[in-house]
């Protein structure tokens, strides 16, 4: 560009048409159907992607569920603090050769906590509403004996963090074609919560229709040949976050909880723990996704280092501050967060820590191994009078390397 052209461009007086750079020939939504059209609670829904040589644009793809909630006359219920993702309890993802990309347990609770700390009010009113967030407690109801059908649209990125890679790339055809998705469906008592004063009773639910709606991207032959050349020589690297879950149940009047997260990883990102009454997980009368903060003195021990500081956290405001710190809200105050301090104590309390050494640098997370293990040490100020369940989520980076015929993962 000459000096005159540079001056014209800087003054918005350049009228040259830019060169086309897209290597996409078509972009269209296609449905990936599950093996069965109907599922009931605690069954495993299985879908095998049939995308061929197309890449998948995860940001514009989704999981669609038509759920029929059954009950006696005049029942009323909702998803409570969660959403339609409450139904997706455990998720497993496999390459067509059988390599396991992820085996995540209780991913529904992890989803709710991450959405509340990362998404904005506008998101909850728009995309979140499609998922089932922000419902009234009687949003799902009927007048006569039978059920009510509700449609749930979950963005593919919200199904599992595997579909939200770190650098925002498409899911390559080498991984998407033949990808096997297994979803363990939650029990009705866990997925739903009955409205206060509900006359009827919720008796169950069934998925009447389910499919992934993937945005398939077809590339030019030259682009496909270039990517295939890289895949055959050095493999395509796809970096995503995976979730490891450790769950502990303790009897009533327990004063301390110590949980080891026995997972060796190279890049540990965050650890999030939530304490719940065990009875709330198995009854329609209570919300299985309420995680009120229980005052305690707590720390995470990673090798010989203590997190979030070398002094135990004993104040709820400090715990709330550390939750914001774990999701990088203090440094980036423009990032959305739905959880207020009052919500933290009632519905969204967590014991959280971030293991990144520098949030401005990629791949700055810390390693965990047999000689540098991770443990949660938690001592309650007042011993719970009921049985409690503590669920710990360790989020870490995983690298999937895909060739033309195979795949492997490095953690």
Protein backbone atom coordinates (compact mmCIF):
# COMPACT_ATOMS: atom_id res chain seq x y z
CA UNK A 1 0.00 0.00 0.00
CA UNK A 2 1.44 3.36 -1.05
CA UNK A 3 1.65 6.36 1.27
CA UNK A 4 -1.31 8.03 -0.47
CA UNK A 5 -3.40 4.87 -0.14
CA UNK A 6 -2.42 4.60 3.54
CA UNK A 7 -3.60 8.16 4.19
CA UNK A 8 -6.89 7.57 2.39
CA UNK A 9 -7.41 4.32 4.30
CA UNK A 10 -6.69 6.02 7.64
CA UNK A 11 -9.34 8.64 6.81
CA UNK A 12 -11.96 6.07 5.81
CA UNK A 13 -11.73 7.17 2.17
CA UNK A 14 -10.64 3.87 0.68
CA UNK A 15 -13.25 2.47 -1.69
CA UNK A 16 -11.53 -0.73 -2.80
CA UNK A 17 -13.38 -3.97 -2.36
CA UNK A 18 -11.48 -6.40 -0.10
CA UNK A 19 -10.28 -9.70 -1.47
CA UNK A 20 -12.52 -12.65 -0.53
CA UNK A 21 -10.75 -14.91 1.95
CA UNK A 22 -13.43 -17.43 2.91
CA UNK A 23 -12.62 -21.08 2.22
CA UNK A 24 -16.17 -22.19 3.06
CA UNK A 25 -18.42 -23.36 0.23
CA UNK A 26 -21.56 -23.92 2.34
CA UNK A 27 -22.79 -23.62 5.90
CA UNK A 28 -26.04 -25.37 6.78
CA UNK A 29 -27.79 -26.87 9.81
CA UNK A 30 -28.10 -30.66 9.84
CA UNK A 31 -29.67 -32.98 12.40
CA UNK A 32 -27.78 -35.72 14.22
CA UNK A 33 -30.39 -38.09 15.62
CA UNK A 34 -30.03 -40.26 18.71
CA UNK A 35 -30.27 -44.03 18.44
CA UNK A 36 -33.74 -43.97 20.02
CA UNK A 37 -36.42 -41.32 19.71
CA UNK A 38 -37.72 -41.69 23.26
CA UNK A 39 -35.90 -41.96 26.59
CA UNK A 40 -36.95 -42.12 30.23
CA UNK A 41 -35.15 -41.09 33.45
CA UNK A 42 -31.78 -42.71 34.24
CA UNK A 43 -31.45 -44.22 30.78
CA UNK A 44 -28.43 -43.54 28.56
CA UNK A 45 -29.07 -41.57 25.37
CA UNK A 46 -26.58 -42.28 22.58
CA UNK A 47 -25.90 -40.25 19.45
CA UNK A 48 -23.24 -40.88 16.78
CA UNK A 49 -22.43 -37.85 14.64
CA UNK A 50 -22.76 -38.38 10.90
CA UNK A 51 -21.00 -35.28 9.58
CA UNK A 52 -18.80 -36.83 6.90
CA UNK A 53 -16.06 -34.46 5.75
CA UNK A 54 -17.82 -31.38 7.16
CA UNK A 55 -16.46 -29.34 10.05
CA UNK A 56 -18.82 -28.36 12.88
CA UNK A 57 -19.35 -24.76 13.98
CA UNK A 58 -20.05 -25.40 17.69
CA UNK A 59 -21.13 -21.84 18.49
CA UNK A 60 -24.09 -22.13 16.12
CA UNK A 61 -25.00 -25.74 16.97
CA UNK A 62 -27.35 -26.99 19.66
CA UNK A 63 -29.00 -29.92 21.39
CA UNK A 64 -32.80 -29.94 21.09
CA UNK A 65 -34.98 -31.89 23.54
CA UNK A 66 -38.76 -32.17 23.70
CA UNK A 67 -39.47 -33.27 27.26
CA UNK A 68 -42.84 -34.47 28.51
CA UNK A 69 -43.26 -34.06 32.27
CA UNK A 70 -45.88 -36.45 33.69
CA UNK A 71 -47.98 -35.97 36.80
CA UNK A 72 -51.36 -36.02 38.43
CA UNK A 73 -53.89 -33.26 37.86
CA UNK A 74 -52.79 -29.69 38.67
CA UNK A 75 -49.11 -30.41 39.23
CA UNK A 76 -46.63 -27.56 38.81
CA UNK A 77 -42.83 -27.66 38.67
CA UNK A 78 -39.74 -26.10 37.11
CA UNK A 79 -36.00 -26.60 36.69
CA UNK A 80 -35.35 -24.53 39.82
CA UNK A 81 -31.99 -22.75 39.91
CA UNK A 82 -30.84 -24.81 36.95
CA UNK A 83 -32.10 -25.29 33.41
CA UNK A 84 -32.98 -28.03 30.96
CA UNK A 85 -29.32 -29.07 31.27
CA UNK A 86 -30.38 -30.53 34.66
CA UNK A 87 -31.40 -33.61 32.70
CA UNK A 88 -27.86 -34.18 31.38
CA UNK A 89 -26.30 -35.74 34.47
CA UNK A 90 -23.21 -37.53 33.08
CA UNK A 91 -21.63 -37.20 29.64
CA UNK A 92 -19.09 -39.36 27.83
CA UNK A 93 -17.49 -38.50 24.48
CA UNK A 94 -15.63 -40.97 22.25
CA UNK A 95 -13.68 -40.78 19.01
CA UNK A 96 -14.87 -43.28 16.40
CA UNK A 97 -11.86 -45.48 17.22
CA UNK A 98 -12.95 -45.67 20.87
CA UNK A 99 -10.60 -43.06 22.41
CA UNK A 100 -12.42 -41.35 25.29
CA UNK A 101 -12.30 -37.56 25.05
CA UNK A 102 -14.20 -37.05 28.30
CA UNK A 103 -16.08 -38.88 31.04
CA UNK A 104 -17.69 -36.14 33.13
CA UNK A 105 -19.91 -36.85 36.13
CA UNK A 106 -22.55 -34.49 37.56
CA UNK A 107 -21.85 -32.13 34.67
CA UNK A 108 -25.32 -30.60 35.15
CA UNK A 109 -24.32 -28.99 38.46
CA UNK A 110 -21.02 -27.78 36.98
CA UNK A 111 -22.97 -26.25 34.11
CA UNK A 112 -25.29 -24.30 36.42
CA UNK A 113 -22.44 -22.91 38.52
CA UNK A 114 -20.34 -21.87 35.53
CA UNK A 115 -23.25 -20.21 33.77
CA UNK A 116 -24.19 -18.21 36.87
CA UNK A 117 -20.64 -16.93 37.30
CA UNK A 118 -19.87 -16.31 33.62
CA UNK A 119 -22.99 -15.17 31.79
CA UNK A 120 -24.90 -11.86 31.75
CA UNK A 121 -28.49 -10.93 32.53
CA UNK A 122 -29.13 -10.49 28.81
CA UNK A 123 -27.82 -13.99 28.08
CA UNK A 124 -30.13 -15.50 30.71
CA UNK A 125 -33.10 -13.63 29.22
CA UNK A 126 -32.35 -14.81 25.67
CA UNK A 127 -30.26 -17.94 25.10
CA UNK A 128 -30.61 -18.98 28.74
CA UNK A 129 -34.39 -18.80 28.42
CA UNK A 130 -34.20 -21.34 25.57
CA UNK A 131 -32.29 -23.62 27.93
CA UNK A 132 -34.92 -23.22 30.67
CA UNK A 133 -33.25 -20.70 32.99
CA UNK A 134 -35.23 -17.98 34.82
CA UNK A 135 -38.45 -20.00 34.94
CA UNK A 136 -41.19 -19.31 37.43
CA UNK A 137 -41.60 -22.15 39.93
CA UNK A 138 -44.83 -23.26 38.18
CA UNK A 139 -43.57 -22.91 34.60
CA UNK A 140 -44.34 -26.56 33.80
CA UNK A 141 -47.87 -27.58 34.77
CA UNK A 142 -51.11 -29.21 33.70
CA UNK A 143 -54.78 -28.95 34.57
CA UNK A 144 -55.93 -32.53 34.03
CA UNK A 145 -54.27 -35.90 34.47
CA UNK A 146 -51.38 -36.22 32.04
CA UNK A 147 -48.32 -34.19 31.23
CA UNK A 148 -46.89 -30.99 29.84
CA UNK A 149 -44.40 -30.85 26.97
CA UNK A 150 -41.54 -28.36 27.10
CA UNK A 151 -38.94 -27.77 24.38
CA UNK A 152 -35.35 -27.21 25.49
CA UNK A 153 -32.65 -25.80 23.22
CA UNK A 154 -29.14 -26.11 24.69
CA UNK A 155 -26.23 -24.52 22.77
CA UNK A 156 -23.66 -27.18 21.92
CA UNK A 157 -21.00 -25.25 23.85
CA UNK A 158 -23.18 -25.62 26.95
CA UNK A 159 -23.60 -29.37 26.57
CA UNK A 160 -19.95 -29.98 27.48
CA UNK A 161 -16.78 -27.78 27.49
CA UNK A 162 -15.31 -30.17 24.90
CA UNK A 163 -17.42 -28.23 22.38
CA UNK A 164 -15.92 -24.90 23.52
CA UNK A 165 -12.22 -25.20 22.58
CA UNK A 166 -9.70 -22.71 23.92
CA UNK A 167 -8.87 -21.06 20.60
CA UNK A 168 -12.42 -21.09 19.21
CA UNK A 169 -11.68 -23.41 16.26
CA UNK A 170 -14.30 -25.53 14.53
CA UNK A 171 -14.59 -29.19 15.50
CA UNK A 172 -12.59 -30.82 12.66
CA UNK A 173 -14.11 -33.54 10.53
CA UNK A 174 -11.36 -35.91 11.72
CA UNK A 175 -12.93 -35.73 15.20
CA UNK A 176 -16.57 -34.92 14.43
CA UNK A 177 -17.26 -37.75 11.99
CA UNK A 178 -18.35 -40.76 14.04
CA UNK A 179 -18.12 -38.88 17.35
CA UNK A 180 -20.09 -40.87 19.93
CA UNK A 181 -21.98 -38.92 22.61
CA UNK A 182 -23.41 -40.81 25.59
CA UNK A 183 -25.63 -38.94 28.06
CA UNK A 184 -26.85 -40.44 31.33
CA UNK A 185 -30.22 -38.87 32.08
CA UNK A 186 -30.97 -37.65 35.60
CA UNK A 187 -33.69 -38.98 37.89
CA UNK A 188 -36.88 -36.94 37.98
CA UNK A 189 -36.24 -35.94 41.62
CA UNK A 190 -32.94 -34.38 40.60
CA UNK A 191 -33.96 -32.68 37.36
CA UNK A 192 -37.13 -30.95 38.59
CA UNK A 193 -38.45 -29.20 41.68
CA UNK A 194 -42.15 -28.98 42.52
CA UNK A 195 -43.68 -25.54 42.98
CA UNK A 196 -44.68 -24.45 46.45
CA UNK A 197 -48.34 -25.29 46.92
CA UNK A 198 -48.50 -27.65 43.96
CA UNK A 199 -51.74 -29.65 44.20
CA UNK A 200 -50.71 -32.55 41.99
CA UNK A 201 -47.55 -34.64 41.99
CA UNK A 202 -44.86 -34.99 39.36
CA UNK A 203 -44.52 -38.69 38.59
CA UNK A 204 -41.82 -38.75 35.91
CA UNK A 205 -40.66 -37.44 32.56
CA UNK A 206 -39.78 -38.74 29.14
CA UNK A 207 -37.86 -37.33 26.21
CA UNK A 208 -40.22 -37.54 23.25
CA UNK A 209 -37.77 -36.21 20.65
CA UNK A 210 -34.05 -35.43 20.78
CA UNK A 211 -31.35 -34.52 18.28
CA UNK A 212 -28.25 -32.42 17.83
CA UNK A 213 -28.64 -29.62 15.30
CA UNK A 214 -25.09 -29.09 14.04
CA UNK A 215 -23.94 -26.24 11.84
CA UNK A 216 -22.03 -28.18 9.19
CA UNK A 217 -19.32 -26.25 7.37
CA UNK A 218 -18.14 -27.55 3.99
CA UNK A 219 -14.70 -26.30 2.92
CA UNK A 220 -13.09 -25.86 -0.48
CA UNK A 221 -11.13 -28.83 -1.72
CA UNK A 222 -7.85 -26.95 -1.44
CA UNK A 223 -8.51 -26.11 2.22
CA UNK A 224 -9.48 -29.71 2.99
CA UNK A 225 -6.31 -30.97 1.30
CA UNK A 226 -4.17 -28.55 3.31
CA UNK A 227 -5.75 -29.57 6.64
CA UNK A 228 -5.55 -33.27 5.77
CA UNK A 229 -1.85 -32.82 4.99
CA UNK A 230 -1.28 -31.37 8.45
CA UNK A 231 -3.38 -34.14 10.03
CA UNK A 232 -1.38 -36.88 8.31
CA UNK A 233 2.04 -35.38 9.10
CA UNK A 234 1.78 -33.88 12.58
CA UNK A 235 -1.88 -34.30 13.70
CA UNK A 236 -4.46 -31.61 14.40
CA UNK A 237 -4.33 -30.31 17.96
CA UNK A 238 -7.64 -29.46 19.63
CA UNK A 239 -7.35 -27.97 23.14
CA UNK A 240 -10.37 -27.95 25.44
CA UNK A 241 -11.27 -28.02 29.12
CA UNK A 242 -12.36 -31.25 30.72
CA UNK A 243 -14.02 -31.77 34.11
CA UNK A 244 -13.11 -34.32 36.77
CA UNK A 245 -15.62 -34.87 39.58
CA UNK A 246 -15.06 -36.14 43.09
CA UNK A 247 -18.04 -36.59 45.39
CA UNK A 248 -18.13 -37.30 49.13
CA UNK A 249 -21.04 -38.04 51.45
CA UNK A 250 -20.69 -37.35 55.16
CA UNK A 251 -23.14 -38.14 58.00
CA UNK A 252 -24.86 -35.50 60.11
CA UNK A 253 -22.85 -33.62 62.74
CA UNK A 254 -19.71 -33.91 60.64
CA UNK A 255 -17.32 -31.12 61.59
CA UNK A 256 -14.69 -31.52 58.86
CA UNK A 257 -14.53 -32.72 55.25
CA UNK A 258 -11.30 -33.66 53.51
CA UNK A 259 -11.48 -34.66 49.86
CA UNK A 260 -8.61 -35.77 47.63
CA UNK A 261 -9.00 -35.03 43.93
CA UNK A 262 -7.00 -37.96 42.61
CA UNK A 263 -6.41 -36.85 39.06
CA UNK A 264 -2.99 -36.29 37.48
CA UNK A 265 -3.06 -33.43 34.98
CA UNK A 266 -0.49 -31.12 33.39
CA UNK A 267 -2.63 -27.97 33.38
CA UNK A 268 -5.07 -27.68 36.31
CA UNK A 269 -7.30 -24.63 35.77
CA UNK A 270 -9.85 -24.29 38.58
CA UNK A 271 -11.32 -26.25 41.48
CA UNK A 272 -14.92 -25.64 42.55
CA UNK A 273 -16.64 -27.36 45.47
CA UNK A 274 -20.25 -27.19 46.61
CA UNK A 275 -21.87 -28.58 49.77
CA UNK A 276 -25.52 -29.67 49.67
CA UNK A 277 -27.98 -31.47 51.92
CA UNK A 278 -28.10 -35.05 50.63
CA UNK A 279 -31.87 -35.17 51.01
CA UNK A 280 -32.27 -32.25 48.57
CA UNK A 281 -30.75 -34.38 45.82
CA UNK A 282 -33.46 -37.02 46.06
CA UNK A 283 -36.72 -35.17 46.55
CA UNK A 284 -38.96 -33.08 44.32
CA UNK A 285 -39.70 -30.75 47.22
CA UNK A 286 -36.14 -29.33 47.23
CA UNK A 287 -33.96 -27.86 44.50
CA UNK A 288 -31.05 -30.18 43.68
CA UNK A 289 -29.10 -27.23 42.28
CA UNK A 290 -29.20 -24.94 45.32
CA UNK A 291 -25.68 -24.64 46.75
CA UNK A 292 -25.94 -22.31 49.73
CA UNK A 293 -22.63 -21.34 51.33
CA UNK A 294 -21.97 -23.05 54.65
CA UNK A 295 -19.67 -20.92 56.85
CA UNK A 296 -16.42 -22.79 57.28
CA UNK A 297 -12.67 -22.52 57.43
CA UNK A 298 -11.23 -23.94 54.24
CA UNK A 299 -8.19 -24.23 52.00
CA UNK A 300 -6.97 -26.22 49.03
CA UNK A 301 -3.63 -27.96 49.41
CA UNK A 302 -1.64 -28.52 46.22
CA UNK A 303 1.63 -30.22 47.06
CA UNK A 304 3.21 -27.92 49.66
CA UNK A 305 1.29 -24.83 48.52
CA UNK A 306 -1.94 -23.58 50.05
CA UNK A 307 -4.65 -21.93 47.95
CA UNK A 308 -6.18 -19.39 47.71
CA UNK A 309 -3.73 -18.15 50.40
CA UNK A 310 -1.52 -19.54 53.16
CA UNK A 311 -4.19 -18.50 55.70
CA UNK A 312 -7.49 -20.39 55.81
CA UNK A 313 -10.58 -18.65 54.46
CA UNK A 314 -13.01 -18.11 57.33
CA UNK A 315 -15.24 -15.21 56.21
CA UNK A 316 -18.09 -15.49 53.71
CA UNK A 317 -17.18 -12.20 52.01
CA UNK A 318 -13.63 -13.42 51.50
CA UNK A 319 -15.04 -16.68 50.12
CA UNK A 320 -17.23 -14.69 47.71
CA UNK A 321 -14.23 -12.62 46.68
CA UNK A 322 -12.28 -15.81 45.98
CA UNK A 323 -15.17 -17.16 43.90
CA UNK A 324 -15.02 -14.00 41.77
CA UNK A 325 -11.24 -14.34 41.62
CA UNK A 326 -11.51 -17.95 40.44
CA UNK A 327 -13.61 -16.79 37.48
CA UNK A 328 -11.32 -13.79 36.83
CA UNK A 329 -13.94 -11.15 37.66
CA UNK A 330 -11.71 -8.90 39.78
CA UNK A 331 -9.18 -8.23 37.04
CA UNK A 332 -11.78 -7.99 34.29
CA UNK A 333 -14.63 -6.07 35.88
CA UNK A 334 -16.41 -5.86 32.52
CA UNK A 335 -16.96 -9.63 32.49
CA UNK A 336 -20.56 -10.57 33.34
CA UNK A 337 -21.51 -12.39 36.53
CA UNK A 338 -25.05 -13.09 37.69
CA UNK A 339 -24.17 -14.11 41.27
CA UNK A 340 -24.54 -11.29 43.77
CA UNK A 341 -23.21 -11.47 47.30
CA UNK A 342 -26.71 -12.19 48.64
CA UNK A 343 -27.10 -15.02 46.08
CA UNK A 344 -23.76 -16.47 47.11
CA UNK A 345 -24.98 -17.14 50.64
CA UNK A 346 -28.31 -18.63 49.56
CA UNK A 347 -28.22 -20.38 46.18
CA UNK A 348 -24.77 -20.18 44.56
CA UNK A 349 -22.18 -20.64 47.30
CA UNK A 350 -18.96 -22.38 46.32
CA UNK A 351 -15.44 -22.94 47.62
CA UNK A 352 -13.38 -21.99 44.58
CA UNK A 353 -9.77 -21.45 43.56
CA UNK A 354 -7.91 -20.69 40.34
CA UNK A 355 -4.55 -22.38 39.65
CA UNK A 356 -3.38 -20.15 36.79
CA UNK A 357 -0.01 -18.51 37.42
CA UNK A 358 -0.88 -15.64 35.07
CA UNK A 359 -4.39 -15.08 33.71
CA UNK A 360 -2.93 -13.03 30.85
CA UNK A 361 -0.92 -15.97 29.50
CA UNK A 362 -2.13 -19.17 27.88
CA UNK A 363 -1.06 -22.53 29.32
CA UNK A 364 0.01 -21.04 32.67
CA UNK A 365 -1.97 -23.55 34.76
CA UNK A 366 -0.29 -25.73 37.35
CA UNK A 367 0.38 -29.49 37.28
CA UNK A 368 -1.11 -32.12 39.60
CA UNK A 369 0.49 -35.53 40.03
CA UNK A 370 1.13 -38.27 42.60
CA UNK A 371 3.79 -36.22 44.38
CA UNK A 372 1.84 -32.99 44.07
CA UNK A 373 -1.73 -33.98 44.88
CA UNK A 374 -4.76 -31.73 45.38
CA UNK A 375 -6.90 -31.80 48.51
CA UNK A 376 -9.79 -29.77 49.90
CA UNK A 377 -9.64 -29.20 53.64
CA UNK A 378 -12.90 -27.84 55.02
CA UNK A 379 -13.96 -27.39 58.65
CA UNK A 380 -17.50 -26.18 59.34
CA UNK A 381 -18.16 -23.42 61.88
CA UNK A 382 -21.34 -25.28 62.83
CA UNK A 383 -21.66 -29.00 62.21
CA UNK A 384 -24.53 -29.76 59.76
CA UNK A 385 -27.50 -31.44 61.41
CA UNK A 386 -28.21 -33.54 58.29
CA UNK A 387 -26.23 -35.75 55.94
CA UNK A 388 -24.31 -33.67 53.40
CA UNK A 389 -22.86 -34.28 49.95
CA UNK A 390 -19.76 -32.39 48.85
CA UNK A 391 -19.11 -32.27 45.12
CA UNK A 392 -15.71 -31.10 43.84
CA UNK A 393 -15.05 -30.21 40.21
CA UNK A 394 -11.51 -29.98 38.85
CA UNK A 395 -11.34 -28.25 35.47
CA UNK A 396 -8.17 -28.84 33.47
CA UNK A 397 -6.84 -28.45 29.95
CA UNK A 398 -6.76 -31.43 27.61
CA UNK A 399 -5.12 -31.70 24.20
CA UNK A 400 -6.70 -34.01 21.63
CA UNK A 401 -4.52 -34.87 18.66
CA UNK A 402 -6.35 -36.18 15.60
CA UNK A 403 -4.92 -37.76 12.48
CA UNK A 404 -6.86 -38.98 9.45
CA UNK A 405 -7.62 -42.33 11.09
CA UNK A 406 -6.94 -42.07 14.82
CA UNK A 407 -6.88 -39.78 17.83
CA UNK A 408 -5.18 -39.55 21.23
CA UNK A 409 -5.39 -37.23 24.19
CA UNK A 410 -2.76 -35.65 26.44
CA UNK A 411 -3.69 -34.34 29.88
